[in-house]
Protein backbone atom coordinates (compact mmCIF):
# COMPACT_ATOMS: atom_id res chain seq x y z
CA MET A 1 0.00 0.00 0.00
CA GLU A 2 1.36 3.44 -0.87
CA SER A 3 2.02 6.00 1.83
CA ASN A 4 -0.61 8.30 0.30
CA ASP A 5 -3.46 5.78 0.59
CA PHE A 6 -5.97 5.62 3.39
CA ARG A 7 -5.53 2.89 5.96
CA ILE A 8 -9.12 1.84 5.22
CA SER A 9 -10.95 1.69 1.93
CA LEU A 10 -12.26 4.88 0.38
CA ARG A 11 -15.60 3.13 -0.16
CA ILE A 12 -15.89 2.52 3.58
CA ILE A 13 -15.19 6.18 4.25
CA TRP A 14 -17.91 7.24 1.79
CA ALA A 15 -20.28 4.70 3.34
CA PHE A 16 -19.61 6.11 6.82
CA ILE A 17 -20.24 9.64 5.55
CA GLY A 18 -23.55 8.58 4.02
CA ALA A 19 -24.55 6.60 7.10
CA SER A 20 -23.72 9.46 9.45
CA PHE A 21 -25.67 11.95 7.35
CA LEU A 22 -28.72 9.67 7.09
CA LEU A 23 -28.65 8.80 10.79
CA ILE A 24 -28.40 12.44 11.82
CA MET A 25 -31.24 13.45 9.51
CA ALA A 26 -33.40 10.53 10.69
CA GLY A 27 -32.67 11.46 14.30
CA VAL A 28 -33.67 15.07 13.66
CA VAL A 29 -36.94 13.99 12.06
CA LEU A 30 -37.64 11.66 14.97
CA LYS A 31 -36.82 14.45 17.40
CA ILE A 32 -39.20 16.82 15.64
CA ILE A 33 -42.08 14.36 15.89
CA HIS A 34 -41.10 13.47 19.50
CA LEU A 35 -40.40 9.79 19.04
CA PRO A 36 -38.09 7.90 21.41
CA LEU A 37 -34.48 7.04 20.57
CA ALA A 38 -34.00 10.22 18.56
CA GLU A 39 -31.01 11.27 20.66
CA THR A 40 -29.44 7.83 20.33
CA ILE A 41 -29.74 7.87 16.55
CA ILE A 42 -28.26 11.37 16.37
CA LEU A 43 -25.35 10.32 18.60
CA LEU A 44 -24.73 7.25 16.46
CA GLY A 45 -24.61 9.44 13.36
CA LEU A 46 -22.23 11.85 15.07
CA PHE A 47 -20.04 8.92 16.12
CA PHE A 48 -19.74 7.73 12.50
CA PHE A 49 -19.01 11.28 11.39
CA PHE A 50 -16.35 11.67 14.09
CA LEU A 51 -14.61 8.46 12.96
CA VAL A 52 -14.46 9.70 9.38
CA TRP A 53 -13.38 13.17 10.49
CA ILE A 54 -10.46 11.73 12.48
CA ALA A 55 -9.41 9.59 9.49
CA ILE A 56 -9.46 12.65 7.20
CA VAL A 57 -7.55 14.85 9.67
CA LEU A 58 -4.88 12.16 9.99
CA ASP A 59 -4.76 11.81 6.20
CA VAL A 60 -4.26 15.57 5.76
CA TYR A 61 -1.62 15.62 8.47
CA ASN A 62 0.36 12.60 7.24
CA ASN A 63 0.36 13.27 3.49
CA ASN A 64 2.14 15.97 1.55
CA ILE A 65 -0.68 18.06 0.17
CA ARG A 66 -0.79 21.66 -0.84
CA ASN A 67 -2.38 24.13 1.60
CA LYS A 68 -2.27 21.73 4.54
CA PHE A 69 -3.06 24.48 7.06
CA PHE A 70 -6.09 25.60 5.01
CA TRP A 71 -7.52 22.07 4.91
CA LEU A 72 -6.99 21.48 8.63
CA LEU A 73 -8.59 24.83 9.45
CA SER A 74 -11.52 24.23 7.09
CA LEU A 75 -12.11 20.78 8.61
CA PHE A 76 -12.59 22.50 11.97
CA VAL A 77 -14.73 25.38 10.67
CA PHE A 78 -16.87 23.61 8.02
CA PRO A 79 -16.60 19.90 8.90
CA TYR A 80 -19.12 18.25 6.55
CA PHE A 81 -18.51 20.54 3.59
CA ALA A 82 -14.71 20.46 3.82
CA LEU A 83 -14.67 16.71 4.37
CA ILE A 84 -16.61 16.00 1.18
CA ILE A 85 -14.64 18.54 -0.89
CA TYR A 86 -11.35 17.09 0.39
CA LEU A 87 -12.35 13.55 -0.54
CA VAL A 88 -13.34 14.65 -4.04
CA ARG A 89 -10.19 16.76 -4.59
CA ARG A 90 -7.74 14.53 -2.71
CA LYS A 91 -5.72 13.23 -5.69
CA VAL A 92 -5.31 16.72 -7.15
CA LEU A 93 -4.05 18.15 -3.86
CA ARG A 94 -1.09 15.83 -3.53
CA GLU A 95 2.27 17.44 -4.09
CA ARG A 96 4.47 15.77 -6.60
């Protein structure tokens, strides 16, 4: 495995992003209509998101990419948006 690859599959990361988004949205809907377990579903979605976020932060930190400080700062300020943009633009950002 190359040093610039994720430790886990990129498909798993995308699946975790989708699962976290869907769980958070389902939890919000359940919370709005006052059904039980809404908080648990939201926390599960946030847990999946946090796992992916840590993997992306470690990927940004360990790889030689351009504008490393910008990406780390944007991951803190705009977590979902920056995470998705980074995954889409990841190959282009690598320094040669």
